């Protein structure tokens, strides 16, 4: 990793016996973060099915009037409607923000460390190395450190695919190794010029129907693994900010949001936070308040299927995240 050091002006002192010494000049402070959501022009996002929209780097690119590029809005999501990145880009932006969403369903941080469910899944490592580097790294794209934001929402599959592994004797340490790879990728983006980042932690997926159906052991194990992952991610964010003074690194707590919603669903217009409706899971929704026999209205469900939340939850996440981004303004 490149070791960036602040280059300070060297004071020149008079050597003449009759010349008065120059006044002491305090060294300039390190460059401070300059993130401003209201001025963000370019958003690059990485992650898994919670974020994916099916964006293809070879097809129509984001542009005014079509800020997410391809496919047609809202894209191919796991929400049976817009995903949080759709809402953030279209509904909760403060200015025109062009979003390059490189997330891929099923992604883990690194396929060689935690294999995804299928061999052709594009991991976070591949999203950075094969998609971003080859298409959007300078000088291939006009983003700057000041007008760009890099977002990550990863870890659900790393936990889900490995929490039960019996060949791992220390799962805390193993998760630490995965997260180290995660932040190595962040370092690579920093070296390429990125300065503004946000990190969405792993939500409370232990309350998903997938784990509820498996019983208390799985629910508790996944909840504990998630808490450990999130604590280690937050520690790495703190270390990043301490080491690189010119970085804005925002930690967004989606886990707390999921708990707020599932603990008080009526406040968010929801009725069912533990189950799903087979029809909504298997059919594209043609109306946001569609209701079929035997089910509540589609927008009254927390879960679209056994692990993925429905579009109303994504909307709440985008709205809450946007508020955090606004408050994180640094200039």
Protein backbone atom coordinates (compact mmCIF):
# COMPACT_ATOMS: atom_id res chain seq x y z
CA UNK A 1 0.00 0.00 0.00
CA UNK A 2 1.29 3.42 -0.86
CA UNK A 3 2.22 5.43 2.22
CA UNK A 4 0.91 8.91 1.62
CA UNK A 5 2.57 11.56 3.77
CA UNK A 6 1.61 15.19 4.03
CA UNK A 7 4.30 17.32 2.45
CA UNK A 8 4.87 20.39 4.55
CA UNK A 9 6.74 23.55 3.49
CA UNK A 10 10.26 23.69 4.86
CA UNK A 11 10.99 26.92 6.73
CA UNK A 12 14.02 28.73 5.38
CA UNK A 13 16.10 30.37 8.05
CA UNK A 14 18.49 33.28 7.47
CA UNK A 15 22.12 32.35 7.97
CA UNK A 16 23.47 35.87 8.02
CA UNK A 17 24.71 37.09 11.41
CA UNK A 18 22.88 40.39 11.00
CA UNK A 19 19.60 38.95 9.74
CA UNK A 20 16.82 38.34 12.25
CA UNK A 21 15.54 34.78 12.38
CA UNK A 22 12.24 34.18 10.64
CA UNK A 23 9.14 33.95 12.81
CA UNK A 24 8.07 30.43 13.63
CA UNK A 25 5.37 29.15 11.29
CA UNK A 26 3.04 26.48 12.59
CA UNK A 27 2.88 23.52 10.17
CA UNK A 28 -0.25 23.43 8.07
CA UNK A 29 -2.86 20.98 9.39
CA UNK A 30 -3.55 17.89 7.35
CA UNK A 31 -6.18 18.19 4.68
CA UNK A 32 -9.59 17.63 6.25
CA UNK A 33 -12.48 15.77 4.68
CA UNK A 34 -14.57 17.66 2.19
CA UNK A 35 -17.65 15.49 1.80
CA UNK A 36 -20.94 17.17 0.96
CA UNK A 37 -23.91 15.01 -0.07
CA UNK A 38 -25.57 18.01 -1.68
CA UNK A 39 -22.60 18.37 -4.03
CA UNK A 40 -21.98 14.70 -4.80
CA UNK A 41 -22.06 14.10 -8.55
CA UNK A 42 -20.86 10.50 -8.74
CA UNK A 43 -21.80 7.54 -6.57
CA UNK A 44 -20.06 4.17 -6.88
CA UNK A 45 -21.65 1.32 -4.95
CA UNK A 46 -20.52 -2.21 -4.19
CA UNK A 47 -22.31 -5.09 -2.52
CA UNK A 48 -24.65 -8.05 -2.86
CA UNK A 49 -28.32 -8.73 -3.63
CA UNK A 50 -29.50 -6.12 -1.15
CA UNK A 51 -27.97 -3.51 -3.46
CA UNK A 52 -27.92 -5.05 -6.95
CA UNK A 53 -29.93 -3.55 -9.79
CA UNK A 54 -28.31 -5.51 -12.61
CA UNK A 55 -26.11 -2.67 -13.87
CA UNK A 56 -23.86 -3.67 -16.77
CA UNK A 57 -20.70 -1.62 -17.30
CA UNK A 58 -20.87 -2.28 -21.07
CA UNK A 59 -24.37 -0.88 -21.58
CA UNK A 60 -26.04 2.52 -21.15
CA UNK A 61 -24.15 4.60 -18.61
CA UNK A 62 -25.67 6.92 -15.98
CA UNK A 63 -26.58 10.32 -17.36
CA UNK A 64 -28.97 13.20 -16.62
CA UNK A 65 -32.50 11.86 -16.98
CA UNK A 66 -31.24 8.32 -16.40
CA UNK A 67 -29.00 8.53 -13.33
CA UNK A 68 -28.67 4.76 -12.84
CA UNK A 69 -27.96 3.94 -16.49
CA UNK A 70 -29.07 0.41 -17.21
CA UNK A 71 -31.29 -1.59 -16.91
CA UNK A 72 -34.60 0.28 -16.94
CA UNK A 73 -35.47 1.68 -13.50
CA UNK A 74 -35.65 0.19 -10.92
CA UNK A 75 -33.59 -2.62 -12.42
CA UNK A 76 -33.37 -6.22 -11.30
CA UNK A 77 -33.65 -6.02 -7.54
CA UNK A 78 -34.36 -8.41 -4.68
CA UNK A 79 -37.03 -6.06 -3.31
CA UNK A 80 -39.88 -6.67 -5.80
CA UNK A 81 -39.60 -2.97 -6.50
CA UNK A 82 -36.97 -0.27 -6.07
CA UNK A 83 -33.96 -1.07 -3.90
CA UNK A 84 -32.43 1.41 -1.46
CA UNK A 85 -29.90 2.56 -4.06
CA UNK A 86 -32.76 3.40 -6.44
CA UNK A 87 -34.51 5.46 -3.80
CA UNK A 88 -31.30 7.17 -2.70
CA UNK A 89 -30.42 8.15 -6.27
CA UNK A 90 -33.88 9.24 -7.40
CA UNK A 91 -35.86 10.25 -4.31
CA UNK A 92 -33.39 11.29 -1.63
CA UNK A 93 -30.60 12.93 -3.60
CA UNK A 94 -29.82 16.61 -3.07
CA UNK A 95 -28.48 17.17 -6.56
CA UNK A 96 -28.17 15.11 -9.71
CA UNK A 97 -26.13 12.08 -8.69
CA UNK A 98 -24.98 9.56 -11.28
CA UNK A 99 -24.90 6.11 -9.71
CA UNK A 100 -22.66 3.29 -10.89
CA UNK A 101 -24.01 0.31 -8.99
CA UNK A 102 -21.54 -2.56 -9.28
CA UNK A 103 -23.20 -4.79 -6.66
CA UNK A 104 -23.90 -8.40 -7.55
CA UNK A 105 -26.34 -10.82 -5.95
CA UNK A 106 -24.75 -13.46 -3.74
CA UNK A 107 -21.45 -11.60 -3.41
CA UNK A 108 -19.03 -12.21 -0.60
CA UNK A 109 -15.95 -10.10 0.07
CA UNK A 110 -13.65 -12.61 -1.61
CA UNK A 111 -14.74 -15.81 -3.32
CA UNK A 112 -11.52 -17.58 -2.38
CA UNK A 113 -12.14 -16.94 1.31
CA UNK A 114 -15.92 -17.39 1.57
CA UNK A 115 -17.26 -19.03 -1.59
CA UNK A 116 -20.56 -17.62 -2.88
CA UNK A 117 -23.54 -19.79 -3.65
CA UNK A 118 -22.51 -20.02 -7.31
CA UNK A 119 -19.09 -19.88 -8.95
CA UNK A 120 -19.97 -17.08 -11.38
CA UNK A 121 -20.96 -14.61 -8.65
CA UNK A 122 -18.93 -11.39 -8.83
CA UNK A 123 -17.37 -10.87 -5.41
CA UNK A 124 -16.57 -7.52 -3.84
CA UNK A 125 -12.95 -8.09 -4.82
CA UNK A 126 -14.01 -8.64 -8.43
CA UNK A 127 -16.33 -5.64 -8.36
CA UNK A 128 -13.38 -3.42 -7.49
CA UNK A 129 -10.70 -5.11 -9.60
CA UNK A 130 -12.63 -6.22 -12.68
CA UNK A 131 -15.49 -3.72 -12.89
CA UNK A 132 -14.40 -0.48 -11.25
CA UNK A 133 -10.69 -0.53 -12.06
CA UNK A 134 -11.25 -1.41 -15.71
CA UNK A 135 -14.06 1.07 -16.32
CA UNK A 136 -14.01 3.97 -13.87
CA UNK A 137 -10.52 4.34 -12.48
CA UNK A 138 -8.75 7.54 -13.56
CA UNK A 139 -8.29 8.61 -16.29
CA UNK A 140 -11.22 6.64 -17.71
CA UNK A 141 -13.83 8.65 -15.79
CA UNK A 142 -14.05 12.33 -14.76
CA UNK A 143 -14.96 11.90 -11.05
CA UNK A 144 -12.87 13.74 -8.50
CA UNK A 145 -12.15 13.12 -4.83
CA UNK A 146 -14.43 15.99 -3.89
CA UNK A 147 -17.50 15.19 -6.00
CA UNK A 148 -17.61 11.40 -5.59
CA UNK A 149 -18.84 8.98 -2.95
CA UNK A 150 -18.07 5.26 -2.60
CA UNK A 151 -20.59 3.04 -0.82
CA UNK A 152 -20.36 -0.53 0.48
CA UNK A 153 -23.10 -2.89 1.69
CA UNK A 154 -21.50 -6.31 2.15
CA UNK A 155 -21.20 -9.11 4.68
CA UNK A 156 -24.60 -10.81 4.69
CA UNK A 157 -23.36 -13.71 2.59
CA UNK A 158 -19.98 -13.87 4.30
CA UNK A 159 -21.84 -14.52 7.55
CA UNK A 160 -24.58 -16.70 6.10
CA UNK A 161 -22.19 -18.90 4.15
CA UNK A 162 -19.71 -19.48 6.99
CA UNK A 163 -21.18 -19.03 10.48
CA UNK A 164 -21.81 -22.76 10.71
CA UNK A 165 -18.42 -23.97 9.42
CA UNK A 166 -17.06 -26.60 11.81
CA UNK A 167 -13.56 -26.46 10.36
CA UNK A 168 -13.09 -22.88 11.63
CA UNK A 169 -11.92 -22.94 15.23
CA UNK A 170 -12.05 -19.17 15.79
CA UNK A 171 -14.87 -17.52 13.87
CA UNK A 172 -14.09 -14.09 15.30
CA UNK A 173 -10.55 -14.25 13.92
CA UNK A 174 -11.78 -15.65 10.63
CA UNK A 175 -14.25 -12.78 10.20
CA UNK A 176 -11.39 -10.45 11.00
CA UNK A 177 -9.40 -11.89 8.09
CA UNK A 178 -12.34 -11.39 5.73
CA UNK A 179 -12.83 -7.81 6.90
CA UNK A 180 -9.11 -7.15 6.45
CA UNK A 181 -9.54 -8.11 2.78
CA UNK A 182 -12.57 -5.80 2.66
CA UNK A 183 -10.58 -2.80 3.84
CA UNK A 184 -7.64 -3.66 1.63
CA UNK A 185 -10.04 -2.92 -1.24
CA UNK A 186 -10.98 0.37 0.43
CA UNK A 187 -7.26 1.20 0.60
CA UNK A 188 -6.94 0.48 -3.11
CA UNK A 189 -9.76 2.91 -3.88
CA UNK A 190 -8.11 5.49 -1.64
CA UNK A 191 -4.86 5.07 -3.54
CA UNK A 192 -6.84 5.63 -6.75
CA UNK A 193 -8.10 8.95 -5.38
CA UNK A 194 -11.31 8.14 -3.49
CA UNK A 195 -11.77 10.09 -0.25
CA UNK A 196 -15.46 9.85 0.64
CA UNK A 197 -16.91 6.52 1.78
CA UNK A 198 -19.96 5.11 3.51
CA UNK A 199 -20.30 1.63 4.92
CA UNK A 200 -23.65 -0.04 5.60
CA UNK A 201 -23.33 -2.67 8.28
CA UNK A 202 -25.01 -6.08 8.14
CA UNK A 203 -28.70 -5.75 9.03
CA UNK A 204 -30.56 -7.89 11.53
CA UNK A 205 -31.04 -10.82 9.18
CA UNK A 206 -31.34 -13.18 12.16
CA UNK A 207 -35.01 -12.11 12.20
CA UNK A 208 -35.49 -13.19 8.59
CA UNK A 209 -37.87 -16.11 7.90
CA UNK A 210 -34.90 -18.19 6.73
CA UNK A 211 -33.39 -18.28 10.20
CA UNK A 212 -36.62 -18.14 12.17
CA UNK A 213 -37.60 -21.41 10.51
CA UNK A 214 -34.34 -23.01 11.68
CA UNK A 215 -35.00 -22.32 15.35
CA UNK A 216 -33.35 -20.49 18.22
CA UNK A 217 -29.87 -21.94 17.74
CA UNK A 218 -29.52 -20.52 14.23
CA UNK A 219 -31.19 -17.24 15.15
CA UNK A 220 -28.83 -16.67 18.08
CA UNK A 221 -25.74 -17.83 16.20
CA UNK A 222 -26.41 -15.56 13.23
CA UNK A 223 -27.25 -12.61 15.50
CA UNK A 224 -23.97 -13.06 17.39
CA UNK A 225 -21.97 -13.43 14.18
CA UNK A 226 -23.60 -10.29 12.80
CA UNK A 227 -22.82 -8.28 15.92
CA UNK A 228 -19.20 -9.42 15.78
CA UNK A 229 -18.91 -8.55 12.07
CA UNK A 230 -20.39 -5.10 12.60
CA UNK A 231 -18.13 -4.30 15.55
CA UNK A 232 -15.05 -5.28 13.58
CA UNK A 233 -16.17 -3.24 10.58
CA UNK A 234 -16.68 -0.21 12.80
CA UNK A 235 -13.23 -0.70 14.31
CA UNK A 236 -11.72 -0.75 10.83
CA UNK A 237 -13.58 2.42 9.90
CA UNK A 238 -12.24 4.14 13.01
CA UNK A 239 -8.73 2.99 12.13
CA UNK A 240 -9.16 4.25 8.56
CA UNK A 241 -10.16 7.71 9.75
CA UNK A 242 -7.33 7.84 12.25
CA UNK A 243 -4.73 6.81 9.67
CA UNK A 244 -5.99 8.86 6.75
CA UNK A 245 -6.99 12.32 7.96
CA UNK A 246 -8.36 13.39 4.58
CA UNK A 247 -11.01 10.66 4.52
CA UNK A 248 -14.69 10.89 5.30
CA UNK A 249 -15.84 7.41 6.37
CA UNK A 250 -19.49 7.13 7.38
CA UNK A 251 -20.83 4.11 9.25
CA UNK A 252 -24.53 3.52 8.63
CA UNK A 253 -26.34 1.23 11.07
CA UNK A 254 -28.91 -0.70 9.03
CA UNK A 255 -29.00 -3.28 11.81
CA UNK A 256 -30.54 -0.75 14.17
CA UNK A 257 -33.01 0.32 11.47
CA UNK A 258 -34.20 -3.26 10.94
CA UNK A 259 -34.72 -3.64 14.69
CA UNK A 260 -36.69 -0.38 14.90
CA UNK A 261 -38.98 -1.47 12.09
CA UNK A 262 -39.55 -5.04 13.27
CA UNK A 263 -40.09 -3.87 16.86
CA UNK A 264 -42.71 -1.31 15.83
CA UNK A 265 -44.00 -2.27 12.36
CA UNK A 266 -47.22 -0.26 12.54
CA UNK A 267 -45.19 2.95 12.72
CA UNK A 268 -43.86 2.11 9.26
CA UNK A 269 -47.17 0.92 7.81
CA UNK A 270 -46.26 -2.77 8.04
CA UNK A 271 -48.28 -5.70 9.37
CA UNK A 272 -46.18 -8.80 8.75
CA UNK A 273 -42.53 -8.84 9.85
CA UNK A 274 -41.96 -12.58 10.21
CA UNK A 275 -43.48 -14.22 7.14
CA UNK A 276 -43.88 -13.87 3.40
CA UNK A 277 -46.55 -14.20 0.73
CA UNK A 278 -45.87 -16.83 -1.95
CA UNK A 279 -47.58 -14.77 -4.64
CA UNK A 280 -45.50 -11.65 -4.02
CA UNK A 281 -42.34 -13.72 -3.90
CA UNK A 282 -43.03 -15.34 -7.26
CA UNK A 283 -44.63 -12.48 -9.24
CA UNK A 284 -43.49 -9.03 -10.27
CA UNK A 285 -45.56 -6.43 -8.46
CA UNK A 286 -47.65 -4.24 -10.73
CA UNK A 287 -48.96 -1.90 -8.01
CA UNK A 288 -47.25 -0.80 -4.78
CA UNK A 289 -50.38 -1.57 -2.74
CA UNK A 290 -51.39 -4.78 -4.51
CA UNK A 291 -53.38 -7.21 -2.38
CA UNK A 292 -54.13 -10.82 -3.26
CA UNK A 293 -56.37 -13.31 -1.50
CA UNK A 294 -54.83 -14.89 1.54
CA UNK A 295 -52.16 -12.18 1.96
CA UNK A 296 -51.84 -8.70 3.34
CA UNK A 297 -51.07 -5.90 0.89
CA UNK A 298 -47.63 -6.19 -0.64
CA UNK A 299 -46.45 -2.96 0.99
CA UNK A 300 -47.39 -4.30 4.44
CA UNK A 301 -44.71 -7.02 4.39
CA UNK A 302 -41.22 -6.58 5.75
CA UNK A 303 -39.85 -9.61 3.88
CA UNK A 304 -40.13 -10.24 0.16
CA UNK A 305 -38.79 -13.77 0.58
CA UNK A 306 -36.96 -15.73 3.24
CA UNK A 307 -33.95 -13.37 3.37
CA UNK A 308 -34.66 -10.21 1.36
CA UNK A 309 -36.75 -7.26 2.53
CA UNK A 310 -39.59 -5.80 0.49
CA UNK A 311 -39.31 -2.40 -1.22
CA UNK A 312 -40.91 -0.38 1.65
CA UNK A 313 -37.99 -1.39 3.88
CA UNK A 314 -35.52 -0.31 1.20
CA UNK A 315 -37.27 3.05 1.03
CA UNK A 316 -36.92 3.53 4.78
CA UNK A 317 -33.26 2.58 4.58
CA UNK A 318 -32.60 5.08 1.78
CA UNK A 319 -34.42 7.87 3.62
CA UNK A 320 -32.56 7.19 6.86
CA UNK A 321 -29.20 6.88 5.11
CA UNK A 322 -29.80 10.14 3.24
CA UNK A 323 -30.35 11.92 6.55
CA UNK A 324 -27.04 10.55 7.81
CA UNK A 325 -25.27 11.69 4.64
CA UNK A 326 -26.71 15.19 4.95
CA UNK A 327 -25.53 15.46 8.55
CA UNK A 328 -22.07 14.24 7.56
CA UNK A 329 -21.41 17.41 5.56
CA UNK A 330 -17.84 18.53 6.18
CA UNK A 331 -17.67 21.93 4.59
